[in-house]
Amino acid sequence: QVQLVESGGGLVQPGGSLRLSCAASRFTFSVYDMSWYRQAPGKERELVATISLGGSTIHADSVRGRFTISRDNGKTTLYLQMNSLKPEDTTVYYCNARRASKNYWGQGTQVTVSS
């Protein structure tokens, strides 16, 4: 069974940094487009950033210049480096793997930005 396991979330002060990781297993990681999403209570899930199987990246306007998505195909791991964090970045972050009709989700990791 496909596994996507996020880690690296936690409590950080405004202006601080966190690095999220998503360890993938039981599927061919390198041929999937990978993304980070986030979802606040009562709101729709929001795309944060995507990295294609070829390494091209897209970042949402709200995080561009502060967050960076990357992947390590050898380690089958997806990353999200988050800098200059703001209170409005507080929510649960989810890892996503997508290829054709296949769409997999992790369980999420909580990020809280507060002083």
Protein backbone atom coordinates (compact mmCIF):
# COMPACT_ATOMS: atom_id res chain seq x y z
CA GLN A 1 0.00 0.00 0.00
CA VAL A 2 1.25 3.47 -0.93
CA GLN A 3 2.64 5.48 1.97
CA LEU A 4 3.27 9.20 2.26
CA VAL A 5 4.48 10.18 5.71
CA GLU A 6 4.92 13.86 6.52
CA SER A 7 7.17 15.15 9.28
CA GLY A 8 8.84 18.36 10.38
CA GLY A 9 5.83 20.33 11.48
CA GLY A 10 5.64 22.09 14.82
CA LEU A 11 5.47 25.42 16.61
CA VAL A 12 7.62 28.28 15.37
CA GLN A 13 7.71 32.02 16.00
CA PRO A 14 6.81 34.49 13.25
CA GLY A 15 9.78 34.99 10.97
CA GLY A 16 11.11 31.54 11.74
CA SER A 17 11.74 28.54 9.51
CA LEU A 18 10.66 24.94 9.24
CA ARG A 19 11.47 22.16 6.81
CA LEU A 20 8.74 19.66 6.06
CA SER A 21 9.56 16.22 4.72
CA CYS A 22 7.37 13.63 3.05
CA ALA A 23 8.79 10.12 2.96
CA ALA A 24 7.26 8.13 0.11
CA SER A 25 7.19 4.38 -0.33
CA ARG A 26 5.55 1.54 -2.25
CA PHE A 27 5.23 3.40 -5.52
CA THR A 28 7.60 4.73 -8.17
CA PHE A 29 8.24 8.15 -6.66
CA SER A 30 10.34 9.49 -9.53
CA VAL A 31 7.52 9.36 -12.10
CA TYR A 32 4.98 11.21 -10.01
CA ASP A 33 4.31 14.91 -9.77
CA MET A 34 4.54 15.85 -6.10
CA SER A 35 2.84 18.66 -4.25
CA TRP A 36 2.29 20.25 -0.89
CA TYR A 37 -1.20 21.40 0.04
CA ARG A 38 -2.55 23.01 3.17
CA GLN A 39 -6.00 23.20 4.66
CA ALA A 40 -7.25 25.39 7.46
CA PRO A 41 -10.41 24.45 9.40
CA GLY A 42 -13.52 25.32 7.44
CA LYS A 43 -11.56 26.16 4.30
CA GLU A 44 -10.81 24.36 1.06
CA ARG A 45 -7.52 22.60 0.58
CA GLU A 46 -5.04 25.02 -0.99
CA LEU A 47 -2.14 24.16 -3.30
CA VAL A 48 1.10 25.46 -1.80
CA ALA A 49 3.66 24.19 -4.31
CA THR A 50 4.19 21.55 -6.97
CA ILE A 51 7.28 19.91 -8.38
CA SER A 52 6.97 17.87 -11.54
CA LEU A 53 8.69 14.59 -12.20
CA GLY A 54 11.13 16.61 -14.29
CA GLY A 55 11.88 19.04 -11.47
CA SER A 56 9.87 22.07 -12.61
CA THR A 57 8.31 23.96 -9.74
CA ILE A 58 5.29 26.16 -9.14
CA HIS A 59 4.65 28.04 -5.92
CA ALA A 60 1.45 29.75 -4.83
CA ASP A 61 1.54 33.54 -4.80
CA SER A 62 1.04 33.52 -1.04
CA VAL A 63 4.29 31.63 -0.43
CA ARG A 64 6.49 32.54 -3.41
CA GLY A 65 9.84 33.83 -2.25
CA ARG A 66 9.40 32.30 1.21
CA PHE A 67 8.78 28.59 0.58
CA THR A 68 10.74 26.23 -1.67
CA ILE A 69 9.65 22.78 -2.78
CA SER A 70 12.23 20.17 -3.70
CA ARG A 71 12.55 16.44 -4.12
CA ASP A 72 15.19 13.76 -3.74
CA ASN A 73 14.30 10.84 -5.98
CA GLY A 74 17.10 8.72 -4.55
CA LYS A 75 15.65 9.09 -1.07
CA THR A 76 12.04 9.11 -2.37
CA THR A 77 11.42 12.18 -0.26
CA LEU A 78 9.65 15.46 -0.89
CA TYR A 79 10.61 18.62 0.99
CA LEU A 80 9.15 22.02 1.71
CA GLN A 81 11.55 24.61 3.09
CA MET A 82 9.50 27.32 4.76
CA ASN A 83 11.17 30.61 5.68
CA SER A 84 9.83 33.91 6.97
CA LEU A 85 6.81 32.14 8.38
CA LYS A 86 3.70 34.15 9.18
CA PRO A 87 0.79 33.42 11.53
CA GLU A 88 -1.44 32.97 8.49
CA ASP A 89 0.71 29.99 7.46
CA THR A 90 -0.69 28.13 10.45
CA THR A 91 -2.57 25.03 9.33
CA VAL A 92 -2.14 21.36 8.42
CA TYR A 93 0.18 20.63 5.49
CA TYR A 94 -0.37 17.59 3.26
CA CYS A 95 1.87 15.77 0.84
CA ASN A 96 0.34 14.68 -2.48
CA ALA A 97 1.50 12.35 -5.26
CA ARG A 98 -0.27 12.42 -8.60
CA ARG A 99 0.11 10.60 -11.90
CA ALA A 100 -2.73 10.16 -14.38
CA SER A 101 -5.69 8.76 -12.43
CA LYS A 102 -3.61 7.94 -9.35
CA ASN A 103 -3.75 10.46 -6.53
CA TYR A 104 -2.29 9.78 -3.09
CA TRP A 105 -2.31 11.80 0.15
CA GLY A 106 -0.37 11.78 3.36
CA GLN A 107 -1.93 12.17 6.78
CA GLY A 108 -0.75 15.75 7.25
CA THR A 109 1.53 17.61 9.64
CA GLN A 110 0.54 20.61 11.74
CA VAL A 111 2.42 23.88 11.40
CA THR A 112 1.73 26.58 13.97
CA VAL A 113 3.25 30.04 13.68
CA SER A 114 2.78 31.97 16.89
CA SER A 115 4.69 34.06 19.38
